[in-house]
Amino acid sequence: MSFTKTIDRRATDSMKWDKYKNQDILPMWVADMDFPAPPSVIAALQARIAHGVLGYTNPPASLFDAVQSYAEAHYNWQIDADWIVWLPGLVQGLNLACRAVGESGDAVVTATPIYPPFLRAPGLSDRELIAVPLMEREDGVWIWDFAALEAAITPRTRLLLLCHPHNPVGRVWNRAELDQLLSIARQHNLIVCSDEIHCDLLLDEGLVHTPFATLDPDFSARTITLLAPSKTWNIPGLGCAFAVIPDPALRARFRREMAGLVPSVNALGYIGAEAAYRDDGQWHQSLIEVLRTNRQLLADAFAGSPLRITFPQATYLAWIDACSIDPVNPLPAFESLGVGLSDGRDFGFPGWLRINFGCPSDTVREAIARLSSLLQCK
């Protein structure tokens, strides 16, 4: 397997690449890697296609087993099959959580900067959005402002939307931080919906993912955990995600909100997901190694420049402070040099940008070269 080959995606109707179609701009925005999926996943999809009949498909019992076995082996988390609700995407899970918790007019709290659907989902569900900014320490590490979080919670706040690991700042919340969030959630009687889609993309040595739902068995009934193989094994186009909801009543309401609106996962989505969770791990280890290399390339390139970049503990995304270029919208300056990033305004942080380094290292080097004038200016 190779993570060095540059694969031309321009003729594949790629959302990522079509954004700058017919322009000399490297697309490094949406969280979609430029690597082929693991060979085991490709082989499983090819075998299913060879059958020839692609009808409506139920989630295979073997897929439940694959997810349960993976969660136990990697997170020491015992999941009952009944807790799993299959979804065509994680974004649907965020919106469903907002609809399944509380009533019209209630509030949902989250921390910014944040993956944009976190900011849109409450309003689409007729809930109030409460956004509490994270704090950046002098060493560039982002942390919770727990005092501000508690002060922002109102009597009508019912749900905390958590991103763990965090997109876009790349933090893996440590046990003390998670325990503090748990304490606040318990004190204010909140449900916690935890997006853990990046939990298998831990870049720092020695890190282990702790699902929020495993912190306290008594609190697990007040959790919704959203997961998918799409980011780790680069199969977002297959559209397979799932929610883990231990409480039967909460799960039933979540399912009621789905009825007639949320489509089932397609046949190939199920097949790809199972193959990913059963993969032998060699592809994944190679991926982590190239992501670590790319992270270091960016860190070295931005060191000493007027632009500051996070050194993410997890994900293949880095967060850039470009306020010195434009405190509201620095994106055009990057696009003019041939690099397309995600606009920080969508994450609730004007003046910032997100870069996706899930690509061959030569692409990262090319992006750095294109941005040299911005990185060198004083």
Protein backbone atom coordinates (compact mmCIF):
# COMPACT_ATOMS: atom_id res chain seq x y z
CA MET A 1 0.00 0.00 0.00
CA SER A 2 1.24 3.49 -0.78
CA PHE A 3 0.32 6.87 0.67
CA THR A 4 2.75 8.74 -1.57
CA LYS A 5 1.01 8.48 -4.93
CA THR A 6 -1.00 11.49 -6.02
CA ILE A 7 -4.34 10.28 -7.38
CA ASP A 8 -6.23 12.50 -9.83
CA ARG A 9 -9.75 12.97 -8.42
CA ARG A 10 -10.85 15.72 -10.78
CA ALA A 11 -12.91 13.40 -13.01
CA THR A 12 -14.81 11.75 -10.14
CA ASP A 13 -17.35 14.48 -9.28
CA SER A 14 -15.47 14.95 -6.02
CA MET A 15 -17.04 17.61 -3.81
CA LYS A 16 -13.59 18.43 -2.50
CA TRP A 17 -11.98 18.90 -5.89
CA ASP A 18 -14.93 20.34 -7.79
CA LYS A 19 -15.08 23.38 -5.48
CA TYR A 20 -12.09 24.81 -7.37
CA LYS A 21 -12.79 23.14 -10.70
CA ASN A 22 -10.67 24.53 -13.55
CA GLN A 23 -8.66 26.63 -11.09
CA ASP A 24 -5.08 26.10 -9.98
CA ILE A 25 -6.06 25.82 -6.32
CA LEU A 26 -5.17 22.88 -4.11
CA PRO A 27 -8.36 21.87 -2.25
CA MET A 28 -7.41 21.35 1.39
CA TRP A 29 -10.73 22.18 2.97
CA VAL A 30 -13.44 19.53 3.52
CA ALA A 31 -12.51 16.54 5.74
CA ASP A 32 -12.01 14.04 2.93
CA MET A 33 -8.57 12.47 2.46
CA ASP A 34 -6.87 11.93 -0.88
CA PHE A 35 -5.92 8.33 -0.09
CA PRO A 36 -7.50 5.11 -1.41
CA ALA A 37 -9.50 3.12 1.11
CA PRO A 38 -7.84 0.02 2.62
CA PRO A 39 -7.43 -2.91 0.19
CA SER A 40 -9.68 -5.05 2.40
CA VAL A 41 -12.49 -2.52 2.03
CA ILE A 42 -12.07 -2.32 -1.75
CA ALA A 43 -12.07 -6.12 -1.98
CA ALA A 44 -15.24 -6.43 0.11
CA LEU A 45 -17.03 -3.86 -2.05
CA GLN A 46 -15.92 -5.58 -5.25
CA ALA A 47 -17.15 -8.94 -3.97
CA ARG A 48 -20.55 -7.46 -3.12
CA ILE A 49 -20.80 -5.76 -6.54
CA ALA A 50 -19.95 -9.06 -8.22
CA HIS A 51 -23.12 -10.56 -6.74
CA GLY A 52 -25.03 -8.26 -9.07
CA VAL A 53 -28.20 -7.60 -7.06
CA LEU A 54 -28.13 -4.39 -5.04
CA GLY A 55 -31.50 -4.32 -3.32
CA TYR A 56 -32.72 -2.80 -0.08
CA THR A 57 -30.44 -4.12 2.63
CA ASN A 58 -30.70 -4.63 6.36
CA PRO A 59 -27.64 -4.08 8.55
CA PRO A 60 -25.91 -7.47 8.71
CA ALA A 61 -25.61 -9.19 12.08
CA SER A 62 -21.92 -9.54 11.31
CA LEU A 63 -21.61 -5.74 11.17
CA PHE A 64 -23.04 -5.36 14.66
CA ASP A 65 -20.47 -7.91 15.81
CA ALA A 66 -17.66 -6.07 14.02
CA VAL A 67 -18.55 -2.77 15.72
CA GLN A 68 -18.95 -4.40 19.12
CA SER A 69 -15.66 -6.27 18.84
CA TYR A 70 -13.81 -3.17 17.66
CA ALA A 71 -15.19 -1.00 20.47
CA GLU A 72 -14.24 -3.56 23.10
CA ALA A 73 -10.75 -4.09 21.70
CA HIS A 74 -9.91 -0.41 21.13
CA TYR A 75 -11.91 1.51 23.75
CA ASN A 76 -12.68 -1.17 26.36
CA TRP A 77 -16.34 -0.38 25.70
CA GLN A 78 -19.00 -3.08 25.81
CA ILE A 79 -21.85 -2.05 23.49
CA ASP A 80 -25.15 -3.92 23.30
CA ALA A 81 -26.32 -4.47 19.73
CA ASP A 82 -29.70 -2.96 20.66
CA TRP A 83 -28.01 0.36 21.42
CA ILE A 84 -26.88 0.89 17.81
CA VAL A 85 -28.94 3.03 15.43
CA TRP A 86 -27.64 3.10 11.84
CA LEU A 87 -27.48 6.44 10.03
CA PRO A 88 -26.51 7.61 6.52
CA GLY A 89 -24.17 10.21 8.05
CA LEU A 90 -23.00 11.75 11.28
CA VAL A 91 -24.54 15.15 10.49
CA GLN A 92 -27.97 13.54 10.54
CA GLY A 93 -27.09 12.26 14.00
CA LEU A 94 -26.37 15.77 15.29
CA ASN A 95 -29.69 17.05 13.97
CA LEU A 96 -31.61 14.07 15.32
CA ALA A 97 -30.04 14.53 18.75
CA CYS A 98 -31.26 18.13 18.84
CA ARG A 99 -34.77 16.99 17.92
CA ALA A 100 -34.81 14.01 20.29
CA VAL A 101 -33.79 15.96 23.41
CA GLY A 102 -36.08 18.54 24.99
CA GLU A 103 -38.79 20.49 23.24
CA SER A 104 -39.19 23.42 20.87
CA GLY A 105 -37.59 26.51 22.36
CA ASP A 106 -35.14 24.62 24.57
CA ALA A 107 -31.41 25.31 24.34
CA VAL A 108 -28.37 23.38 23.10
CA VAL A 109 -24.88 24.32 24.28
CA THR A 110 -21.58 23.68 22.50
CA ALA A 111 -18.05 25.12 22.32
CA THR A 112 -16.58 27.11 19.44
CA PRO A 113 -14.72 26.89 17.15
CA ILE A 114 -16.65 23.82 16.08
CA TYR A 115 -17.56 21.71 13.07
CA PRO A 116 -20.21 23.87 11.34
CA PRO A 117 -23.19 21.45 11.59
CA PHE A 118 -22.97 21.82 15.40
CA LEU A 119 -23.89 25.47 14.94
CA ARG A 120 -26.68 24.86 12.43
CA ALA A 121 -28.43 21.84 13.94
CA PRO A 122 -30.07 23.56 16.95
CA GLY A 123 -31.75 26.23 14.82
CA LEU A 124 -32.98 23.66 12.32
CA SER A 125 -34.61 21.89 15.28
CA ASP A 126 -36.19 25.06 16.72
CA ARG A 127 -33.71 25.05 19.59
CA GLU A 128 -31.65 27.96 20.87
CA LEU A 129 -27.91 27.72 20.20
CA ILE A 130 -25.59 28.63 23.07
CA ALA A 131 -21.99 28.85 21.84
CA VAL A 132 -19.20 29.13 24.41
CA PRO A 133 -15.70 29.87 23.04
CA LEU A 134 -12.83 27.60 23.97
CA MET A 135 -9.70 29.31 25.30
CA GLU A 136 -6.27 29.14 23.69
CA ARG A 137 -3.38 28.99 26.13
CA GLU A 138 -0.09 30.74 25.46
CA ASP A 139 1.41 27.42 24.34
CA GLY A 140 -1.25 27.09 21.62
CA VAL A 141 -3.26 24.39 23.39
CA TRP A 142 -7.03 24.89 23.40
CA ILE A 143 -8.93 24.25 26.62
CA TRP A 144 -12.45 24.55 27.97
CA ASP A 145 -13.58 27.69 29.75
CA PHE A 146 -15.59 25.77 32.31
CA ALA A 147 -16.68 28.89 34.20
CA ALA A 148 -18.06 30.42 30.99
CA LEU A 149 -19.74 27.13 30.10
CA GLU A 150 -21.55 26.93 33.43
CA ALA A 151 -22.52 30.59 33.26
CA ALA A 152 -24.00 30.14 29.78
CA ILE A 153 -26.23 27.19 30.70
CA THR A 154 -29.84 28.27 31.22
CA PRO A 155 -32.79 26.52 32.88
CA ARG A 156 -33.95 25.52 29.38
CA THR A 157 -30.62 24.01 28.32
CA ARG A 158 -31.17 20.32 27.67
CA LEU A 159 -28.29 19.14 25.48
CA LEU A 160 -24.51 19.47 25.30
CA LEU A 161 -23.00 18.82 21.87
CA LEU A 162 -19.46 17.59 22.42
CA CYS A 163 -16.76 17.07 19.77
CA HIS A 164 -14.28 14.44 21.06
CA PRO A 165 -11.60 14.55 19.63
CA HIS A 166 -12.28 18.13 18.70
CA ASN A 167 -12.67 19.43 15.16
CA PRO A 168 -11.01 21.85 14.32
CA VAL A 169 -8.54 22.37 17.20
CA GLY A 170 -7.43 18.73 17.32
CA ARG A 171 -7.64 18.29 21.10
CA VAL A 172 -8.09 14.89 22.69
CA TRP A 173 -9.85 15.87 25.89
CA ASN A 174 -8.07 14.32 28.86
CA ARG A 175 -9.75 12.46 31.69
CA ALA A 176 -9.82 15.47 34.00
CA GLU A 177 -11.51 17.60 31.34
CA LEU A 178 -14.01 14.87 30.53
CA ASP A 179 -14.80 14.38 34.21
CA GLN A 180 -15.41 18.12 34.58
CA LEU A 181 -17.80 18.06 31.61
CA LEU A 182 -19.52 15.05 33.15
CA SER A 183 -19.92 16.89 36.45
CA ILE A 184 -21.43 19.92 34.72
CA ALA A 185 -23.77 17.74 32.66
CA ARG A 186 -24.92 15.89 35.75
CA GLN A 187 -25.40 19.08 37.76
CA HIS A 188 -27.53 20.66 35.02
CA ASN A 189 -29.34 17.45 34.04
CA LEU A 190 -28.04 17.58 30.46
CA ILE A 191 -27.97 14.93 27.78
CA VAL A 192 -24.53 14.72 26.13
CA CYS A 193 -24.26 13.98 22.43
CA SER A 194 -20.62 13.18 21.72
CA ASP A 195 -19.30 13.23 18.15
CA GLU A 196 -16.37 10.80 18.26
CA ILE A 197 -15.88 10.30 14.53
CA HIS A 198 -12.16 11.20 14.68
CA CYS A 199 -11.39 8.95 17.67
CA ASP A 200 -9.19 6.53 15.69
CA LEU A 201 -6.99 9.31 14.30
CA LEU A 202 -4.85 9.87 17.40
CA LEU A 203 -1.48 11.27 16.34
CA ASP A 204 0.37 11.75 19.62
CA GLU A 205 2.11 8.65 20.94
CA GLY A 206 0.42 6.98 23.88
CA LEU A 207 -3.01 8.54 23.50
CA VAL A 208 -6.01 6.30 24.06
CA HIS A 209 -9.59 7.27 23.24
CA THR A 210 -12.05 7.28 26.13
CA PRO A 211 -15.68 7.35 24.95
CA PHE A 212 -17.69 9.85 26.96
CA ALA A 213 -20.35 7.19 27.51
CA THR A 214 -17.85 5.03 29.45
CA LEU A 215 -16.95 7.64 32.07
CA ASP A 216 -19.75 6.69 34.45
CA PRO A 217 -22.09 3.71 34.00
CA ASP A 218 -24.86 5.60 35.79
CA PHE A 219 -24.63 8.53 33.36
CA SER A 220 -24.37 6.47 30.18
CA ALA A 221 -28.17 6.50 29.84
CA ARG A 222 -27.88 10.25 29.24
CA THR A 223 -25.47 9.90 26.32
CA ILE A 224 -25.68 9.68 22.55
CA THR A 225 -22.39 8.72 20.90
CA LEU A 226 -21.97 9.35 17.17
CA LEU A 227 -19.44 7.25 15.27
CA ALA A 228 -18.57 6.28 11.70
CA PRO A 229 -15.75 4.57 9.81
CA SER A 230 -15.77 7.35 7.22
CA LYS A 231 -12.92 9.54 8.48
CA THR A 232 -10.48 6.89 9.68
CA TRP A 233 -10.69 4.62 6.64
CA ASN A 234 -11.61 7.39 4.15
CA ILE A 235 -14.98 6.08 2.99
CA PRO A 236 -17.29 9.09 3.55
CA GLY A 237 -18.91 8.61 0.15
CA LEU A 238 -20.37 5.27 1.27
CA GLY A 239 -22.64 7.02 3.79
CA CYS A 240 -22.60 4.80 6.86
CA ALA A 241 -22.59 6.09 10.44
CA PHE A 242 -24.30 5.11 13.67
CA ALA A 243 -25.45 6.36 17.04
CA VAL A 244 -24.91 4.43 20.26
CA ILE A 245 -27.82 5.20 22.61
CA PRO A 246 -28.00 3.01 25.73
CA ASP A 247 -31.29 4.38 27.10
CA PRO A 248 -34.35 2.73 25.49
CA ALA A 249 -36.62 5.78 25.83
CA LEU A 250 -34.07 8.19 24.37
CA ARG A 251 -33.31 5.72 21.60
CA ALA A 252 -37.00 5.34 20.79
CA ARG A 253 -37.46 9.09 20.49
CA PHE A 254 -34.34 9.34 18.32
CA ARG A 255 -35.82 6.68 16.03
CA ARG A 256 -39.20 8.46 15.93
CA GLU A 257 -37.49 11.62 14.71
CA MET A 258 -35.93 9.57 11.91
CA ALA A 259 -39.20 8.10 10.68
CA GLY A 260 -40.05 9.00 7.11
CA LEU A 261 -37.17 11.47 6.82
CA VAL A 262 -33.83 9.70 7.27
CA PRO A 263 -33.01 7.08 4.62
CA SER A 264 -31.50 3.73 5.40
CA VAL A 265 -27.82 3.08 4.85
CA ASN A 266 -27.15 1.61 1.42
CA ALA A 267 -25.87 -1.91 0.82
CA LEU A 268 -22.31 -0.85 0.05
CA GLY A 269 -22.18 1.40 3.10
CA TYR A 270 -22.78 -1.58 5.37
CA ILE A 271 -20.24 -3.71 3.51
CA GLY A 272 -17.56 -1.03 3.60
CA ALA A 273 -18.12 -0.31 7.28
CA GLU A 274 -17.76 -3.94 8.30
CA ALA A 275 -14.62 -4.41 6.23
CA ALA A 276 -13.13 -1.29 7.80
CA TYR A 277 -13.81 -2.38 11.37
CA ARG A 278 -12.39 -5.83 10.61
CA ASP A 279 -9.26 -4.57 8.82
CA ASP A 280 -5.96 -5.84 10.22
CA GLY A 281 -4.71 -2.36 11.13
CA GLN A 282 -1.66 -2.18 8.85
CA TRP A 283 -3.26 0.38 6.53
CA HIS A 284 -4.32 2.43 9.53
CA GLN A 285 -0.82 2.43 11.00
CA SER A 286 0.65 3.59 7.71
CA LEU A 287 -1.94 6.35 7.57
CA ILE A 288 -1.05 7.57 11.06
CA GLU A 289 2.63 7.68 10.12
CA VAL A 290 2.03 9.86 7.05
CA LEU A 291 -0.32 12.15 8.98
CA ARG A 292 2.36 12.63 11.63
CA THR A 293 4.83 13.52 8.89
CA ASN A 294 2.42 16.02 7.35
CA ARG A 295 1.62 17.55 10.73
CA GLN A 296 5.34 18.13 11.33
CA LEU A 297 5.82 19.62 7.85
CA LEU A 298 3.15 22.20 8.63
CA ALA A 299 4.48 22.88 12.11
CA ASP A 300 7.98 23.51 10.75
CA ALA A 301 6.70 25.72 7.92
CA PHE A 302 4.61 27.92 10.21
CA ALA A 303 7.22 28.19 12.97
CA GLY A 304 8.31 31.81 13.28
CA SER A 305 5.77 33.03 10.74
CA PRO A 306 3.11 35.68 11.49
CA LEU A 307 0.52 32.91 11.09
CA ARG A 308 -0.04 30.53 14.00
CA ILE A 309 -1.07 26.91 13.50
CA THR A 310 -2.22 24.33 16.03
CA PHE A 311 -0.27 21.12 16.54
CA PRO A 312 -3.28 18.78 16.68
CA GLN A 313 -3.17 15.74 18.93
CA ALA A 314 -5.68 14.01 16.65
CA THR A 315 -7.46 14.29 13.29
CA TYR A 316 -5.88 15.31 9.98
CA LEU A 317 -7.01 18.91 10.43
CA ALA A 318 -5.07 21.92 11.69
CA TRP A 319 -6.40 25.29 12.83
CA ILE A 320 -4.70 28.45 11.58
CA ASP A 321 -4.84 31.93 13.09
CA ALA A 322 -4.77 34.19 10.02
CA CYS A 323 -6.20 37.28 11.72
CA SER A 324 -3.01 39.18 10.92
CA ILE A 325 -3.96 38.93 7.23
CA ASP A 326 -7.63 39.72 7.70
CA PRO A 327 -9.49 39.52 11.03
CA VAL A 328 -12.72 38.59 9.27
CA ASN A 329 -12.03 36.75 6.02
CA PRO A 330 -8.41 35.80 5.23
CA LEU A 331 -9.44 32.96 2.89
CA PRO A 332 -9.12 34.96 -0.38
CA ALA A 333 -5.45 35.65 0.36
CA PHE A 334 -4.79 31.89 0.51
CA GLU A 335 -6.89 31.13 -2.54
CA SER A 336 -5.02 33.79 -4.52
CA LEU A 337 -1.84 31.79 -3.85
CA GLY A 338 -3.45 28.52 -4.90
CA VAL A 339 -4.50 26.92 -1.61
CA GLY A 340 -8.18 26.45 -0.67
CA LEU A 341 -8.97 26.08 3.03
CA SER A 342 -12.09 26.06 5.22
CA ASP A 343 -13.40 29.45 6.33
CA GLY A 344 -13.23 29.98 10.09
CA ARG A 345 -16.46 31.97 10.04
CA ASP A 346 -18.32 28.72 9.42
CA PHE A 347 -16.81 27.40 12.67
CA GLY A 348 -17.79 30.50 14.65
CA PHE A 349 -14.28 32.02 14.52
CA PRO A 350 -13.74 34.78 11.92
CA GLY A 351 -10.12 35.29 10.91
CA TRP A 352 -9.20 31.63 11.29
CA LEU A 353 -8.86 28.85 8.73
CA ARG A 354 -8.80 25.05 8.77
CA ILE A 355 -6.39 23.02 6.65
CA ASN A 356 -6.83 19.34 5.77
CA PHE A 357 -3.47 17.58 5.65
CA GLY A 358 -4.92 14.16 4.83
CA CYS A 359 -3.07 13.90 1.53
CA PRO A 360 0.30 12.79 0.15
CA SER A 361 3.17 14.66 1.75
CA ASP A 362 4.14 16.11 -1.62
CA THR A 363 0.78 17.92 -1.68
CA VAL A 364 1.51 19.45 1.73
CA ARG A 365 4.94 20.53 0.52
CA GLU A 366 3.39 22.10 -2.56
CA ALA A 367 0.88 23.99 -0.42
CA ILE A 368 3.67 25.27 1.82
CA ALA A 369 5.62 26.44 -1.21
CA ARG A 370 2.61 28.28 -2.58
CA LEU A 371 2.07 30.02 0.77
CA SER A 372 5.71 31.00 1.20
CA SER A 373 5.03 34.73 0.80
CA LEU A 374 2.49 34.66 3.65
CA LEU A 375 4.70 32.51 5.86
CA GLN A 376 7.75 34.73 5.42
CA CYS A 377 6.18 38.17 5.69
CA LYS A 378 6.78 40.16 8.86
